[in-house]
């Protein structure tokens, strides 16, 4: 089984957000590594309990970073 996990970094509030649309999972965390681990565990849990699948799971990561440049009044 293969799933796409989308990670988005928002610099304005220093948070990582991750979604796996196929499994309807959305999580947030301050650290990419912590979020990736939480997402792996959540996906494994959903796949095993709801889909009754015990085989290998492949995750494809898509990573996006959002920055905001605030205009400074002169």
PDB file of N, CA and C in Angstrom:
ATOM      1  N   UNK A   1       0.838  -1.184   0.000  1.00  0.00           N
ATOM      2  CA  UNK A   1       0.000   0.000   0.000  1.00  0.00           C
ATOM      3  C   UNK A   1       0.879   1.241   0.000  1.00  0.00           C
ATOM      4  N   UNK A   2       0.422   2.256  -0.692  1.00  0.00           N
ATOM      5  CA  UNK A   2       1.170   3.515  -0.757  1.00  0.00           C
ATOM      6  C   UNK A   2       0.228   4.679  -0.464  1.00  0.00           C
ATOM      7  N   UNK A   3       0.746   5.636   0.305  1.00  0.00           N
ATOM      8  CA  UNK A   3      -0.019   6.831   0.645  1.00  0.00           C
ATOM      9  C   UNK A   3       0.853   8.061   0.468  1.00  0.00           C
ATOM     10  N   UNK A   4       0.221   9.167   0.113  1.00  0.00           N
ATOM     11  CA  UNK A   4       0.917  10.448  -0.012  1.00  0.00           C
ATOM     12  C   UNK A   4       0.659  11.247   1.256  1.00  0.00           C
ATOM     13  N   UNK A   5       1.751  11.744   1.846  1.00  0.00           N
ATOM     14  CA  UNK A   5       1.666  12.590   3.036  1.00  0.00           C
ATOM     15  C   UNK A   5       2.187  13.966   2.654  1.00  0.00           C
ATOM     16  N   UNK A   6       1.367  14.985   2.836  1.00  0.00           N
ATOM     17  CA  UNK A   6       1.755  16.358   2.504  1.00  0.00           C
ATOM     18  C   UNK A   6       2.126  17.091   3.788  1.00  0.00           C
ATOM     19  N   UNK A   7       3.334  17.616   3.803  1.00  0.00           N
ATOM     20  CA  UNK A   7       3.828  18.399   4.931  1.00  0.00           C
ATOM     21  C   UNK A   7       3.914  19.853   4.506  1.00  0.00           C
ATOM     22  N   UNK A   8       3.435  20.754   5.353  1.00  0.00           N
ATOM     23  CA  UNK A   8       3.525  22.193   5.076  1.00  0.00           C
ATOM     24  C   UNK A   8       4.121  22.872   6.296  1.00  0.00           C
ATOM     25  N   UNK A   9       5.162  23.667   6.069  1.00  0.00           N
ATOM     26  CA  UNK A   9       5.782  24.480   7.130  1.00  0.00           C
ATOM     27  C   UNK A   9       5.254  25.884   6.991  1.00  0.00           C
ATOM     28  N   UNK A  10       4.722  26.420   8.076  1.00  0.00           N
ATOM     29  CA  UNK A  10       4.290  27.816   8.065  1.00  0.00           C
ATOM     30  C   UNK A  10       5.193  28.583   9.016  1.00  0.00           C
ATOM     31  N   UNK A  11       6.048  29.366   8.452  1.00  0.00           N
ATOM     32  CA  UNK A  11       7.034  30.104   9.232  1.00  0.00           C
ATOM     33  C   UNK A  11       6.446  31.139  10.161  1.00  0.00           C
ATOM     34  N   UNK A  12       5.263  31.663   9.819  1.00  0.00           N
ATOM     35  CA  UNK A  12       4.682  32.707  10.662  1.00  0.00           C
ATOM     36  C   UNK A  12       4.274  32.191  12.038  1.00  0.00           C
ATOM     37  N   UNK A  13       3.856  30.936  12.135  1.00  0.00           N
ATOM     38  CA  UNK A  13       3.536  30.402  13.459  1.00  0.00           C
ATOM     39  C   UNK A  13       4.416  29.214  13.850  1.00  0.00           C
ATOM     40  N   UNK A  14       5.458  28.986  13.069  1.00  0.00           N
ATOM     41  CA  UNK A  14       6.482  27.969  13.350  1.00  0.00           C
ATOM     42  C   UNK A  14       5.899  26.585  13.614  1.00  0.00           C
ATOM     43  N   UNK A  15       4.998  26.163  12.749  1.00  0.00           N
ATOM     44  CA  UNK A  15       4.366  24.858  12.895  1.00  0.00           C
ATOM     45  C   UNK A  15       4.441  24.073  11.594  1.00  0.00           C
ATOM     46  N   UNK A  16       4.575  22.767  11.743  1.00  0.00           N
ATOM     47  CA  UNK A  16       4.449  21.837  10.630  1.00  0.00           C
ATOM     48  C   UNK A  16       3.050  21.248  10.665  1.00  0.00           C
ATOM     49  N   UNK A  17       2.443  21.126   9.495  1.00  0.00           N
ATOM     50  CA  UNK A  17       1.145  20.482   9.348  1.00  0.00           C
ATOM     51  C   UNK A  17       1.307  19.325   8.368  1.00  0.00           C
ATOM     52  N   UNK A  18       0.646  18.205   8.648  1.00  0.00           N
ATOM     53  CA  UNK A  18       0.715  17.054   7.748  1.00  0.00           C
ATOM     54  C   UNK A  18      -0.684  16.514   7.520  1.00  0.00           C
ATOM     55  N   UNK A  19      -0.931  16.112   6.279  1.00  0.00           N
ATOM     56  CA  UNK A  19      -2.208  15.506   5.946  1.00  0.00           C
ATOM     57  C   UNK A  19      -1.987  14.270   5.076  1.00  0.00           C
ATOM     58  N   UNK A  20      -2.824  13.291   5.305  1.00  0.00           N
ATOM     59  CA  UNK A  20      -2.909  12.131   4.424  1.00  0.00           C
ATOM     60  C   UNK A  20      -4.375  12.071   4.013  1.00  0.00           C
ATOM     61  N   UNK A  21      -4.674  12.623   2.851  1.00  0.00           N
ATOM     62  CA  UNK A  21      -6.056  12.771   2.415  1.00  0.00           C
ATOM     63  C   UNK A  21      -6.776  11.431   2.267  1.00  0.00           C
ATOM     64  N   UNK A  22      -6.062  10.412   1.771  1.00  0.00           N
ATOM     65  CA  UNK A  22      -6.712   9.115   1.544  1.00  0.00           C
ATOM     66  C   UNK A  22      -7.250   8.509   2.840  1.00  0.00           C
ATOM     67  N   UNK A  23      -6.550   8.772   3.945  1.00  0.00           N
ATOM     68  CA  UNK A  23      -6.962   8.203   5.233  1.00  0.00           C
ATOM     69  C   UNK A  23      -7.628   9.230   6.142  1.00  0.00           C
ATOM     70  N   UNK A  24      -7.767  10.461   5.659  1.00  0.00           N
ATOM     71  CA  UNK A  24      -8.389  11.561   6.414  1.00  0.00           C
ATOM     72  C   UNK A  24      -7.681  11.820   7.747  1.00  0.00           C
ATOM     73  N   UNK A  25      -6.351  11.893   7.685  1.00  0.00           N
ATOM     74  CA  UNK A  25      -5.545  12.169   8.873  1.00  0.00           C
ATOM     75  C   UNK A  25      -4.918  13.545   8.718  1.00  0.00           C
ATOM     76  N   UNK A  26      -5.019  14.368   9.752  1.00  0.00           N
ATOM     77  CA  UNK A  26      -4.378  15.682   9.794  1.00  0.00           C
ATOM     78  C   UNK A  26      -3.755  15.857  11.170  1.00  0.00           C
ATOM     79  N   UNK A  27      -2.470  16.229  11.189  1.00  0.00           N
ATOM     80  CA  UNK A  27      -1.744  16.430  12.440  1.00  0.00           C
ATOM     81  C   UNK A  27      -0.914  17.703  12.351  1.00  0.00           C
ATOM     82  N   UNK A  28      -0.496  18.226  13.502  1.00  0.00           N
ATOM     83  CA  UNK A  28       0.406  19.383  13.526  1.00  0.00           C
ATOM     84  C   UNK A  28       1.419  19.188  14.634  1.00  0.00           C
ATOM     85  N   UNK A  29       2.588  19.807  14.451  1.00  0.00           N
ATOM     86  CA  UNK A  29       3.683  19.659  15.411  1.00  0.00           C
ATOM     87  C   UNK A  29       4.702  20.762  15.143  1.00  0.00           C
ATOM     88  N   UNK A  30       5.508  21.078  16.134  1.00  0.00           N
ATOM     89  CA  UNK A  30       6.542  22.092  15.982  1.00  0.00           C
ATOM     90  C   UNK A  30       7.812  21.585  15.326  1.00  0.00           C
ATOM     91  N   UNK A  31       7.978  20.268  15.257  1.00  0.00           N
ATOM     92  CA  UNK A  31       9.185  19.653  14.694  1.00  0.00           C
ATOM     93  C   UNK A  31       8.804  18.715  13.551  1.00  0.00           C
ATOM     94  N   UNK A  32       9.544  18.798  12.440  1.00  0.00           N
ATOM     95  CA  UNK A  32       9.276  17.910  11.303  1.00  0.00           C
ATOM     96  C   UNK A  32       9.463  16.450  11.698  1.00  0.00           C
ATOM     97  N   UNK A  33      10.562  16.134  12.382  1.00  0.00           N
ATOM     98  CA  UNK A  33      10.839  14.744  12.755  1.00  0.00           C
ATOM     99  C   UNK A  33       9.759  14.177  13.671  1.00  0.00           C
ATOM    100  N   UNK A  34       9.313  14.968  14.635  1.00  0.00           N
ATOM    101  CA  UNK A  34       8.252  14.519  15.536  1.00  0.00           C
ATOM    102  C   UNK A  34       6.953  14.303  14.772  1.00  0.00           C
ATOM    103  N   UNK A  35       6.655  15.198  13.841  1.00  0.00           N
ATOM    104  CA  UNK A  35       5.434  15.079  13.061  1.00  0.00           C
ATOM    105  C   UNK A  35       5.491  13.869  12.132  1.00  0.00           C
ATOM    106  N   UNK A  36       6.635  13.642  11.509  1.00  0.00           N
ATOM    107  CA  UNK A  36       6.778  12.484  10.625  1.00  0.00           C
ATOM    108  C   UNK A  36       6.564  11.182  11.398  1.00  0.00           C
ATOM    109  N   UNK A  37       7.106  11.094  12.596  1.00  0.00           N
ATOM    110  CA  UNK A  37       6.920   9.898  13.418  1.00  0.00           C
ATOM    111  C   UNK A  37       5.454   9.728  13.811  1.00  0.00           C
ATOM    112  N   UNK A  38       4.811  10.804  14.270  1.00  0.00           N
ATOM    113  CA  UNK A  38       3.389  10.736  14.634  1.00  0.00           C
ATOM    114  C   UNK A  38       2.533  10.307  13.448  1.00  0.00           C
ATOM    115  N   UNK A  39       2.866  10.826  12.256  1.00  0.00           N
ATOM    116  CA  UNK A  39       2.094  10.487  11.069  1.00  0.00           C
ATOM    117  C   UNK A  39       2.284   9.016  10.702  1.00  0.00           C
ATOM    118  N   UNK A  40       3.512   8.522  10.784  1.00  0.00           N
ATOM    119  CA  UNK A  40       3.756   7.097  10.505  1.00  0.00           C
ATOM    120  C   UNK A  40       2.930   6.213  11.424  1.00  0.00           C
ATOM    121  N   UNK A  41       2.937   6.528  12.711  1.00  0.00           N
ATOM    122  CA  UNK A  41       2.198   5.729  13.685  1.00  0.00           C
ATOM    123  C   UNK A  41       0.689   5.809  13.447  1.00  0.00           C
ATOM    124  N   UNK A  42       0.195   7.004  13.120  1.00  0.00           N
ATOM    125  CA  UNK A  42      -1.238   7.181  12.866  1.00  0.00           C
ATOM    126  C   UNK A  42      -1.665   6.408  11.620  1.00  0.00           C
ATOM    127  N   UNK A  43      -0.862   6.483  10.568  1.00  0.00           N
ATOM    128  CA  UNK A  43      -1.186   5.762   9.333  1.00  0.00           C
ATOM    129  C   UNK A  43      -1.173   4.263   9.582  1.00  0.00           C
ATOM    130  N   UNK A  44      -0.159   3.778  10.261  1.00  0.00           N
ATOM    131  CA  UNK A  44      -0.072   2.351  10.563  1.00  0.00           C
ATOM    132  C   UNK A  44      -1.298   1.891  11.357  1.00  0.00           C
ATOM    133  N   UNK A  45      -1.699   2.678  12.331  1.00  0.00           N
ATOM    134  CA  UNK A  45      -2.849   2.338  13.151  1.00  0.00           C
ATOM    135  C   UNK A  45      -4.135   2.273  12.320  1.00  0.00           C
ATOM    136  N   UNK A  46      -4.369   3.278  11.495  1.00  0.00           N
ATOM    137  CA  UNK A  46      -5.580   3.309  10.672  1.00  0.00           C
ATOM    138  C   UNK A  46      -5.590   2.152   9.680  1.00  0.00           C
ATOM    139  N   UNK A  47      -4.453   1.902   9.044  1.00  0.00           N
ATOM    140  CA  UNK A  47      -4.379   0.841   8.042  1.00  0.00           C
ATOM    141  C   UNK A  47      -4.626  -0.528   8.687  1.00  0.00           C
ATOM    142  N   UNK A  48      -4.044  -0.752   9.855  1.00  0.00           N
ATOM    143  CA  UNK A  48      -4.217  -2.045  10.514  1.00  0.00           C
ATOM    144  C   UNK A  48      -5.620  -2.220  11.087  1.00  0.00           C
ATOM    145  N   UNK A  49      -6.139  -1.197  11.761  1.00  0.00           N
ATOM    146  CA  UNK A  49      -7.424  -1.360  12.443  1.00  0.00           C
ATOM    147  C   UNK A  49      -8.631  -1.189  11.524  1.00  0.00           C
ATOM    148  N   UNK A  50      -8.595  -0.194  10.644  1.00  0.00           N
ATOM    149  CA  UNK A  50      -9.767   0.064   9.805  1.00  0.00           C
ATOM    150  C   UNK A  50      -9.733  -0.673   8.474  1.00  0.00           C
ATOM    151  N   UNK A  51      -8.534  -0.810   7.901  1.00  0.00           N
ATOM    152  CA  UNK A  51      -8.434  -1.486   6.599  1.00  0.00           C
ATOM    153  C   UNK A  51      -8.057  -2.958   6.733  1.00  0.00           C
ATOM    154  N   UNK A  52      -7.699  -3.377   7.950  1.00  0.00           N
ATOM    155  CA  UNK A  52      -7.330  -4.780   8.203  1.00  0.00           C
ATOM    156  C   UNK A  52      -6.163  -5.241   7.323  1.00  0.00           C
ATOM    157  N   UNK A  53      -5.207  -4.337   7.070  1.00  0.00           N
ATOM    158  CA  UNK A  53      -4.043  -4.646   6.229  1.00  0.00           C
ATOM    159  C   UNK A  53      -2.812  -4.732   7.111  1.00  0.00           C
ATOM    160  N   UNK A  54      -2.042  -5.815   6.978  1.00  0.00           N
ATOM    161  CA  UNK A  54      -0.876  -6.032   7.826  1.00  0.00           C
ATOM    162  C   UNK A  54       0.435  -6.060   7.032  1.00  0.00           C
ATOM    163  N   UNK A  55       0.398  -5.699   5.764  1.00  0.00           N
ATOM    164  CA  UNK A  55       1.598  -5.728   4.934  1.00  0.00           C
ATOM    165  C   UNK A  55       2.398  -4.436   5.016  1.00  0.00           C
ATOM    166  N   UNK A  56       3.346  -4.302   4.095  1.00  0.00           N
ATOM    167  CA  UNK A  56       4.198  -3.111   4.035  1.00  0.00           C
ATOM    168  C   UNK A  56       3.395  -1.898   3.586  1.00  0.00           C
ATOM    169  N   UNK A  57       3.788  -0.740   4.108  1.00  0.00           N
ATOM    170  CA  UNK A  57       3.164   0.530   3.759  1.00  0.00           C
ATOM    171  C   UNK A  57       4.266   1.459   3.263  1.00  0.00           C
ATOM    172  N   UNK A  58       4.069   2.051   2.106  1.00  0.00           N
ATOM    173  CA  UNK A  58       5.034   3.006   1.558  1.00  0.00           C
ATOM    174  C   UNK A  58       4.435   4.402   1.648  1.00  0.00           C
ATOM    175  N   UNK A  59       5.241   5.343   2.165  1.00  0.00           N
ATOM    176  CA  UNK A  59       4.796   6.733   2.282  1.00  0.00           C
ATOM    177  C   UNK A  59       5.597   7.614   1.337  1.00  0.00           C
ATOM    178  N   UNK A  60       4.912   8.411   0.566  1.00  0.00           N
ATOM    179  CA  UNK A  60       5.544   9.391  -0.316  1.00  0.00           C
ATOM    180  C   UNK A  60       5.316  10.754   0.315  1.00  0.00           C
ATOM    181  N   UNK A  61       6.400  11.481   0.589  1.00  0.00           N
ATOM    182  CA  UNK A  61       6.305  12.788   1.223  1.00  0.00           C
ATOM    183  C   UNK A  61       6.343  13.901   0.185  1.00  0.00           C
ATOM    184  N   UNK A  62       5.431  14.840   0.330  1.00  0.00           N
ATOM    185  CA  UNK A  62       5.459  16.085  -0.435  1.00  0.00           C
ATOM    186  C   UNK A  62       5.607  17.194   0.594  1.00  0.00           C
ATOM    187  N   UNK A  63       6.653  18.005   0.442  1.00  0.00           N
ATOM    188  CA  UNK A  63       6.972  19.015   1.449  1.00  0.00           C
ATOM    189  C   UNK A  63       6.872  20.402   0.822  1.00  0.00           C
ATOM    190  N   UNK A  64       6.184  21.297   1.528  1.00  0.00           N
ATOM    191  CA  UNK A  64       5.975  22.665   1.056  1.00  0.00           C
ATOM    192  C   UNK A  64       6.299  23.619   2.203  1.00  0.00           C
ATOM    193  N   UNK A  65       6.880  24.740   1.859  1.00  0.00           N
ATOM    194  CA  UNK A  65       7.196  25.753   2.869  1.00  0.00           C
ATOM    195  C   UNK A  65       6.537  27.062   2.474  1.00  0.00           C
ATOM    196  N   UNK A  66       5.828  27.656   3.431  1.00  0.00           N
ATOM    197  CA  UNK A  66       5.173  28.939   3.187  1.00  0.00           C
ATOM    198  C   UNK A  66       5.848  30.007   4.015  1.00  0.00           C
ATOM    199  N   UNK A  67       6.289  31.065   3.383  1.00  0.00           N
ATOM    200  CA  UNK A  67       6.868  32.219   4.073  1.00  0.00           C
ATOM    201  C   UNK A  67       6.053  33.457   3.722  1.00  0.00           C
ATOM    202  N   UNK A  68       5.973  34.360   4.659  1.00  0.00           N
ATOM    203  CA  UNK A  68       5.283  35.621   4.437  1.00  0.00           C
ATOM    204  C   UNK A  68       6.294  36.758   4.602  1.00  0.00           C
ATOM    205  N   UNK A  69       6.349  37.624   3.625  1.00  0.00           N
ATOM    206  CA  UNK A  69       7.202  38.803   3.702  1.00  0.00           C
ATOM    207  C   UNK A  69       6.285  39.967   4.060  1.00  0.00           C
ATOM    208  N   UNK A  70       6.452  40.477   5.234  1.00  0.00           N
ATOM    209  CA  UNK A  70       5.596  41.568   5.688  1.00  0.00           C
ATOM    210  C   UNK A  70       6.185  42.902   5.260  1.00  0.00           C
ATOM    211  N   UNK A  71       5.352  43.716   4.701  1.00  0.00           N
ATOM    212  CA  UNK A  71       5.783  45.029   4.254  1.00  0.00           C
ATOM    213  C   UNK A  71       5.948  45.939   5.476  1.00  0.00           C
ATOM    214  N   UNK A  72       7.061  46.610   5.500  1.00  0.00           N
ATOM    215  CA  UNK A  72       7.359  47.522   6.593  1.00  0.00           C
ATOM    216  C   UNK A  72       7.022  48.941   6.133  1.00  0.00           C
ATOM    217  N   UNK A  73       6.229  49.627   6.923  1.00  0.00           N
ATOM    218  CA  UNK A  73       5.887  51.010   6.567  1.00  0.00           C
ATOM    219  C   UNK A  73       7.115  51.888   6.698  1.00  0.00           C
ATOM    220  N   UNK A  74       7.299  52.760   5.716  1.00  0.00           N
ATOM    221  CA  UNK A  74       8.453  53.652   5.716  1.00  0.00           C
ATOM    222  C   UNK A  74       8.059  55.081   5.991  1.00  0.00           C
TER     223      UNK A  74
END
